[in-house]
Amino acid sequence: MQRMFTHTYHVPGNLAADLNIRFTAPCDMQLVHVSHVGSGATSTALLNIGPSTDTDGYLDDVVMGKSGVPAEYDQDDFVNGEFPHIVKGTIVCILVTYNTLATAADWTGVFTFTEG
């Protein structure tokens, strides 16, 4: 079995702007699961994940969970219905688009990868 690892991010309080989180892939890896959530009941914040050259290339405009119940995304939800393969050294972008018409509070994102 390939080793699994997670990246977890939490932003407390109300989002006042878009989030743009970036990291460099430490090894060849695959994105296998995503969950993200906010504490508000009316959030419409959208999540995109992809390489810096195509920031929605892995997961495109998925809505965050509400009221503390995470929304989950996996193989069926990824672009082309495939686990995205990420080459070592790729800059991975996690973008949360803030919607000023609804609250997006206490955002948490958990991103699970396998090595290889």
N, C-alpha and C. Protein backbone atom coordinates (compact mmCIF):
# COMPACT_ATOMS: atom_id res chain seq x y z
N MET A 1 0.84 -1.19 0.00
CA MET A 1 0.00 0.00 0.00
C MET A 1 0.88 1.24 0.00
N GLN A 2 0.48 2.24 -0.76
CA GLN A 2 1.23 3.49 -0.79
C GLN A 2 0.98 4.27 0.49
N ARG A 3 2.02 4.92 0.96
CA ARG A 3 1.91 5.73 2.17
C ARG A 3 0.99 6.91 1.94
N MET A 4 0.08 7.14 2.90
CA MET A 4 -0.84 8.29 2.84
C MET A 4 -0.33 9.39 3.76
N PHE A 5 -0.59 10.63 3.37
CA PHE A 5 -0.29 11.77 4.23
C PHE A 5 -1.30 12.88 3.95
N THR A 6 -1.46 13.77 4.91
CA THR A 6 -2.43 14.85 4.76
C THR A 6 -1.77 16.21 4.92
N HIS A 7 -2.39 17.19 4.28
CA HIS A 7 -2.11 18.60 4.53
C HIS A 7 -3.40 19.15 5.12
N THR A 8 -3.30 19.82 6.25
CA THR A 8 -4.47 20.39 6.90
C THR A 8 -4.25 21.88 7.11
N TYR A 9 -5.27 22.66 6.80
CA TYR A 9 -5.21 24.12 6.96
C TYR A 9 -6.46 24.57 7.69
N HIS A 10 -6.30 25.58 8.56
CA HIS A 10 -7.44 26.16 9.26
C HIS A 10 -7.26 27.67 9.31
N VAL A 11 -8.31 28.39 8.98
CA VAL A 11 -8.31 29.85 9.05
C VAL A 11 -9.44 30.26 9.98
N PRO A 12 -9.12 30.69 11.20
CA PRO A 12 -10.17 31.06 12.15
C PRO A 12 -10.81 32.41 11.79
N GLY A 13 -12.06 32.56 12.19
CA GLY A 13 -12.77 33.82 11.98
C GLY A 13 -13.36 33.91 10.59
N ASN A 14 -13.98 35.04 10.29
CA ASN A 14 -14.61 35.26 9.00
C ASN A 14 -13.56 35.57 7.94
N LEU A 15 -13.68 34.90 6.79
CA LEU A 15 -12.79 35.22 5.68
C LEU A 15 -13.17 36.60 5.15
N ALA A 16 -12.17 37.42 4.91
CA ALA A 16 -12.41 38.75 4.37
C ALA A 16 -11.84 38.89 2.97
N ALA A 17 -11.21 37.83 2.49
CA ALA A 17 -10.61 37.83 1.16
C ALA A 17 -10.40 36.39 0.72
N ASP A 18 -10.07 36.20 -0.56
CA ASP A 18 -9.78 34.86 -1.08
C ASP A 18 -8.52 34.30 -0.40
N LEU A 19 -8.47 32.98 -0.27
CA LEU A 19 -7.26 32.30 0.21
C LEU A 19 -6.49 31.77 -0.98
N ASN A 20 -5.18 31.86 -0.92
CA ASN A 20 -4.32 31.34 -1.97
C ASN A 20 -3.17 30.63 -1.28
N ILE A 21 -3.32 29.33 -1.07
CA ILE A 21 -2.32 28.51 -0.38
C ILE A 21 -1.53 27.76 -1.44
N ARG A 22 -0.21 27.77 -1.33
CA ARG A 22 0.65 27.10 -2.31
C ARG A 22 1.74 26.32 -1.58
N PHE A 23 2.06 25.15 -2.12
CA PHE A 23 3.20 24.38 -1.61
C PHE A 23 3.81 23.62 -2.77
N THR A 24 5.05 23.21 -2.61
CA THR A 24 5.75 22.43 -3.62
C THR A 24 5.65 20.95 -3.26
N ALA A 25 5.23 20.13 -4.21
CA ALA A 25 5.09 18.70 -3.98
C ALA A 25 6.46 18.11 -3.60
N PRO A 26 6.55 17.45 -2.42
CA PRO A 26 7.83 16.93 -1.95
C PRO A 26 8.24 15.63 -2.63
N CYS A 27 7.29 14.99 -3.33
CA CYS A 27 7.54 13.73 -4.02
C CYS A 27 6.44 13.56 -5.06
N ASP A 28 6.56 12.56 -5.93
CA ASP A 28 5.44 12.23 -6.79
C ASP A 28 4.30 11.79 -5.87
N MET A 29 3.07 12.24 -6.15
CA MET A 29 1.96 11.93 -5.26
C MET A 29 0.65 12.02 -6.02
N GLN A 30 -0.40 11.49 -5.39
CA GLN A 30 -1.74 11.57 -5.94
C GLN A 30 -2.67 12.16 -4.89
N LEU A 31 -3.56 13.04 -5.32
CA LEU A 31 -4.61 13.57 -4.46
C LEU A 31 -5.74 12.54 -4.46
N VAL A 32 -6.14 12.06 -3.25
CA VAL A 32 -7.15 11.00 -3.18
C VAL A 32 -8.41 11.41 -2.43
N HIS A 33 -8.36 12.47 -1.64
CA HIS A 33 -9.55 12.87 -0.87
C HIS A 33 -9.40 14.31 -0.42
N VAL A 34 -10.51 15.04 -0.41
CA VAL A 34 -10.55 16.42 0.05
C VAL A 34 -11.79 16.58 0.92
N SER A 35 -11.64 17.24 2.05
CA SER A 35 -12.83 17.70 2.78
C SER A 35 -12.57 19.13 3.21
N HIS A 36 -13.63 19.94 3.17
CA HIS A 36 -13.48 21.32 3.65
C HIS A 36 -14.81 21.81 4.16
N VAL A 37 -14.73 22.73 5.12
CA VAL A 37 -15.93 23.14 5.84
C VAL A 37 -15.74 24.52 6.45
N GLY A 38 -16.85 25.18 6.68
CA GLY A 38 -16.89 26.42 7.44
C GLY A 38 -17.94 26.29 8.52
N SER A 39 -17.94 27.22 9.44
CA SER A 39 -18.90 27.14 10.55
C SER A 39 -20.24 27.80 10.21
N GLY A 40 -20.27 28.65 9.17
CA GLY A 40 -21.49 29.37 8.82
C GLY A 40 -22.50 28.49 8.09
N ALA A 41 -23.76 28.88 8.19
CA ALA A 41 -24.84 28.11 7.53
C ALA A 41 -25.11 28.59 6.11
N THR A 42 -24.53 29.72 5.70
CA THR A 42 -24.88 30.29 4.39
C THR A 42 -23.68 30.45 3.47
N SER A 43 -22.58 29.80 3.75
CA SER A 43 -21.38 30.00 2.95
C SER A 43 -21.53 29.45 1.54
N THR A 44 -21.01 30.18 0.59
CA THR A 44 -20.94 29.72 -0.79
C THR A 44 -19.51 29.80 -1.32
N ALA A 45 -18.54 29.77 -0.41
CA ALA A 45 -17.14 29.82 -0.83
C ALA A 45 -16.83 28.60 -1.69
N LEU A 46 -16.01 28.80 -2.73
CA LEU A 46 -15.67 27.74 -3.67
C LEU A 46 -14.20 27.36 -3.52
N LEU A 47 -13.91 26.08 -3.73
CA LEU A 47 -12.56 25.56 -3.63
C LEU A 47 -12.10 25.10 -5.00
N ASN A 48 -10.88 25.47 -5.36
CA ASN A 48 -10.20 24.98 -6.56
C ASN A 48 -8.83 24.47 -6.15
N ILE A 49 -8.40 23.37 -6.76
CA ILE A 49 -7.07 22.82 -6.51
C ILE A 49 -6.45 22.48 -7.86
N GLY A 50 -5.18 22.81 -8.02
CA GLY A 50 -4.49 22.47 -9.25
C GLY A 50 -3.05 22.94 -9.20
N PRO A 51 -2.29 22.64 -10.24
CA PRO A 51 -0.93 23.16 -10.33
C PRO A 51 -0.96 24.66 -10.61
N SER A 52 0.13 25.33 -10.38
CA SER A 52 0.17 26.78 -10.59
C SER A 52 -0.11 27.16 -12.04
N THR A 53 0.05 26.23 -12.96
CA THR A 53 -0.21 26.50 -14.38
C THR A 53 -1.68 26.30 -14.76
N ASP A 54 -2.49 25.70 -13.86
CA ASP A 54 -3.91 25.42 -14.13
C ASP A 54 -4.59 25.23 -12.77
N THR A 55 -4.89 26.32 -12.08
CA THR A 55 -5.26 26.26 -10.67
C THR A 55 -6.57 25.56 -10.36
N ASP A 56 -7.32 25.15 -11.38
CA ASP A 56 -8.49 24.31 -11.13
C ASP A 56 -8.35 22.98 -11.86
N GLY A 57 -7.13 22.56 -12.11
CA GLY A 57 -6.85 21.36 -12.88
C GLY A 57 -7.11 20.05 -12.17
N TYR A 58 -7.23 20.06 -10.84
CA TYR A 58 -7.49 18.83 -10.08
C TYR A 58 -8.91 18.79 -9.54
N LEU A 59 -9.39 19.91 -9.02
CA LEU A 59 -10.73 20.01 -8.45
C LEU A 59 -11.24 21.40 -8.78
N ASP A 60 -12.46 21.48 -9.32
CA ASP A 60 -12.93 22.74 -9.91
C ASP A 60 -14.22 23.22 -9.26
N ASP A 61 -14.16 24.36 -8.57
CA ASP A 61 -15.33 25.08 -8.04
C ASP A 61 -16.28 24.20 -7.22
N VAL A 62 -15.76 23.56 -6.18
CA VAL A 62 -16.62 22.78 -5.29
C VAL A 62 -16.96 23.62 -4.05
N VAL A 63 -18.18 23.50 -3.59
CA VAL A 63 -18.68 24.31 -2.48
C VAL A 63 -18.25 23.70 -1.16
N MET A 64 -17.90 24.57 -0.21
CA MET A 64 -17.49 24.08 1.11
C MET A 64 -18.69 23.61 1.92
N GLY A 65 -18.43 22.73 2.88
CA GLY A 65 -19.47 22.28 3.79
C GLY A 65 -19.93 23.42 4.68
N LYS A 66 -21.11 23.28 5.24
CA LYS A 66 -21.72 24.35 6.04
C LYS A 66 -22.01 23.86 7.45
N SER A 67 -22.10 24.80 8.36
CA SER A 67 -22.51 24.53 9.75
C SER A 67 -21.68 23.43 10.40
N GLY A 68 -20.39 23.38 10.08
CA GLY A 68 -19.50 22.41 10.70
C GLY A 68 -19.57 21.01 10.12
N VAL A 69 -20.31 20.80 9.02
CA VAL A 69 -20.39 19.49 8.38
C VAL A 69 -19.56 19.54 7.09
N PRO A 70 -18.42 18.85 7.06
CA PRO A 70 -17.54 18.94 5.89
C PRO A 70 -18.17 18.40 4.62
N ALA A 71 -17.89 19.06 3.51
CA ALA A 71 -18.17 18.52 2.18
C ALA A 71 -16.96 17.67 1.81
N GLU A 72 -17.21 16.49 1.20
CA GLU A 72 -16.12 15.59 0.85
C GLU A 72 -16.09 15.37 -0.66
N TYR A 73 -14.88 15.25 -1.17
CA TYR A 73 -14.67 15.05 -2.59
C TYR A 73 -13.60 14.00 -2.80
N ASP A 74 -13.83 13.11 -3.80
CA ASP A 74 -12.87 12.05 -4.08
C ASP A 74 -12.79 11.81 -5.58
N GLN A 75 -12.36 10.64 -5.99
CA GLN A 75 -12.05 10.36 -7.39
C GLN A 75 -13.15 10.79 -8.35
N ASP A 76 -14.40 10.50 -8.04
CA ASP A 76 -15.50 10.86 -8.94
C ASP A 76 -15.63 12.37 -9.14
N ASP A 77 -15.17 13.15 -8.18
CA ASP A 77 -15.32 14.60 -8.23
C ASP A 77 -14.13 15.31 -8.87
N PHE A 78 -12.98 14.63 -8.96
CA PHE A 78 -11.81 15.25 -9.54
C PHE A 78 -11.98 15.43 -11.04
N VAL A 79 -11.26 16.38 -11.60
CA VAL A 79 -11.31 16.64 -13.04
C VAL A 79 -10.99 15.34 -13.79
N ASN A 80 -11.78 15.00 -14.77
CA ASN A 80 -11.67 13.78 -15.58
C ASN A 80 -11.97 12.51 -14.80
N GLY A 81 -12.48 12.62 -13.56
CA GLY A 81 -12.84 11.45 -12.77
C GLY A 81 -11.65 10.58 -12.39
N GLU A 82 -10.47 11.18 -12.31
CA GLU A 82 -9.24 10.44 -12.00
C GLU A 82 -8.54 11.07 -10.81
N PHE A 83 -7.82 10.23 -10.04
CA PHE A 83 -6.96 10.78 -9.00
C PHE A 83 -5.87 11.59 -9.70
N PRO A 84 -5.73 12.87 -9.37
CA PRO A 84 -4.69 13.67 -10.00
C PRO A 84 -3.29 13.17 -9.61
N HIS A 85 -2.45 12.93 -10.60
CA HIS A 85 -1.05 12.59 -10.35
C HIS A 85 -0.25 13.89 -10.35
N ILE A 86 0.51 14.09 -9.29
CA ILE A 86 1.27 15.33 -9.11
C ILE A 86 2.76 14.97 -9.07
N VAL A 87 3.51 15.54 -9.98
CA VAL A 87 4.93 15.26 -10.10
C VAL A 87 5.71 16.05 -9.05
N LYS A 88 6.73 15.41 -8.47
CA LYS A 88 7.60 16.08 -7.50
C LYS A 88 8.05 17.43 -8.05
N GLY A 89 7.99 18.46 -7.22
CA GLY A 89 8.40 19.80 -7.61
C GLY A 89 7.28 20.68 -8.15
N THR A 90 6.11 20.08 -8.40
CA THR A 90 4.96 20.86 -8.88
C THR A 90 4.49 21.81 -7.78
N ILE A 91 4.19 23.04 -8.15
CA ILE A 91 3.59 23.98 -7.19
C ILE A 91 2.09 23.72 -7.19
N VAL A 92 1.58 23.27 -6.05
CA VAL A 92 0.16 22.95 -5.91
C VAL A 92 -0.54 24.16 -5.30
N CYS A 93 -1.65 24.57 -5.92
CA CYS A 93 -2.42 25.73 -5.46
C CYS A 93 -3.75 25.27 -4.88
N ILE A 94 -4.06 25.76 -3.70
CA ILE A 94 -5.35 25.54 -3.05
C ILE A 94 -5.98 26.92 -2.94
N LEU A 95 -7.05 27.14 -3.68
CA LEU A 95 -7.67 28.46 -3.74
C LEU A 95 -9.09 28.39 -3.21
N VAL A 96 -9.39 29.23 -2.23
CA VAL A 96 -10.75 29.35 -1.71
C VAL A 96 -11.25 30.72 -2.12
N THR A 97 -12.29 30.74 -2.95
CA THR A 97 -12.85 31.99 -3.43
C THR A 97 -13.92 32.45 -2.46
N TYR A 98 -13.67 33.57 -1.85
CA TYR A 98 -14.57 34.14 -0.86
C TYR A 98 -15.72 34.85 -1.56
N ASN A 99 -16.92 34.63 -1.08
CA ASN A 99 -18.11 35.29 -1.63
C ASN A 99 -18.55 36.34 -0.62
N THR A 100 -18.51 37.60 -0.99
CA THR A 100 -18.84 38.68 -0.05
C THR A 100 -20.31 38.73 0.32
N LEU A 101 -21.16 37.97 -0.38
CA LEU A 101 -22.59 38.00 -0.09
C LEU A 101 -22.99 37.01 0.99
N ALA A 102 -22.10 36.12 1.38
CA ALA A 102 -22.40 35.13 2.41
C ALA A 102 -21.17 34.95 3.30
N THR A 103 -21.38 34.53 4.49
CA THR A 103 -20.25 34.35 5.40
C THR A 103 -19.45 33.11 5.05
N ALA A 104 -18.18 33.17 5.29
CA ALA A 104 -17.29 32.02 5.17
C ALA A 104 -16.40 32.08 6.40
N ALA A 105 -16.85 31.45 7.46
CA ALA A 105 -16.15 31.56 8.74
C ALA A 105 -15.50 30.24 9.13
N ASP A 106 -14.35 30.35 9.78
CA ASP A 106 -13.65 29.20 10.37
C ASP A 106 -13.42 28.10 9.34
N TRP A 107 -12.81 28.45 8.22
CA TRP A 107 -12.57 27.49 7.15
C TRP A 107 -11.51 26.48 7.56
N THR A 108 -11.78 25.19 7.31
CA THR A 108 -10.82 24.13 7.50
C THR A 108 -10.81 23.26 6.26
N GLY A 109 -9.63 22.95 5.76
CA GLY A 109 -9.47 22.06 4.62
C GLY A 109 -8.50 20.95 4.96
N VAL A 110 -8.86 19.72 4.61
CA VAL A 110 -8.00 18.56 4.82
C VAL A 110 -7.81 17.87 3.47
N PHE A 111 -6.57 17.70 3.06
CA PHE A 111 -6.23 17.20 1.74
C PHE A 111 -5.38 15.94 1.92
N THR A 112 -5.88 14.80 1.43
CA THR A 112 -5.18 13.52 1.62
C THR A 112 -4.51 13.10 0.32
N PHE A 113 -3.26 12.71 0.43
CA PHE A 113 -2.45 12.31 -0.72
C PHE A 113 -1.87 10.92 -0.46
N THR A 114 -1.53 10.22 -1.54
CA THR A 114 -0.71 9.02 -1.45
C THR A 114 0.63 9.33 -2.14
N GLU A 115 1.66 8.71 -1.64
CA GLU A 115 2.98 8.89 -2.22
C GLU A 115 3.11 8.01 -3.45
N GLY A 116 3.71 8.55 -4.48
CA GLY A 116 3.97 7.74 -5.67
C GLY A 116 3.31 8.27 -6.91
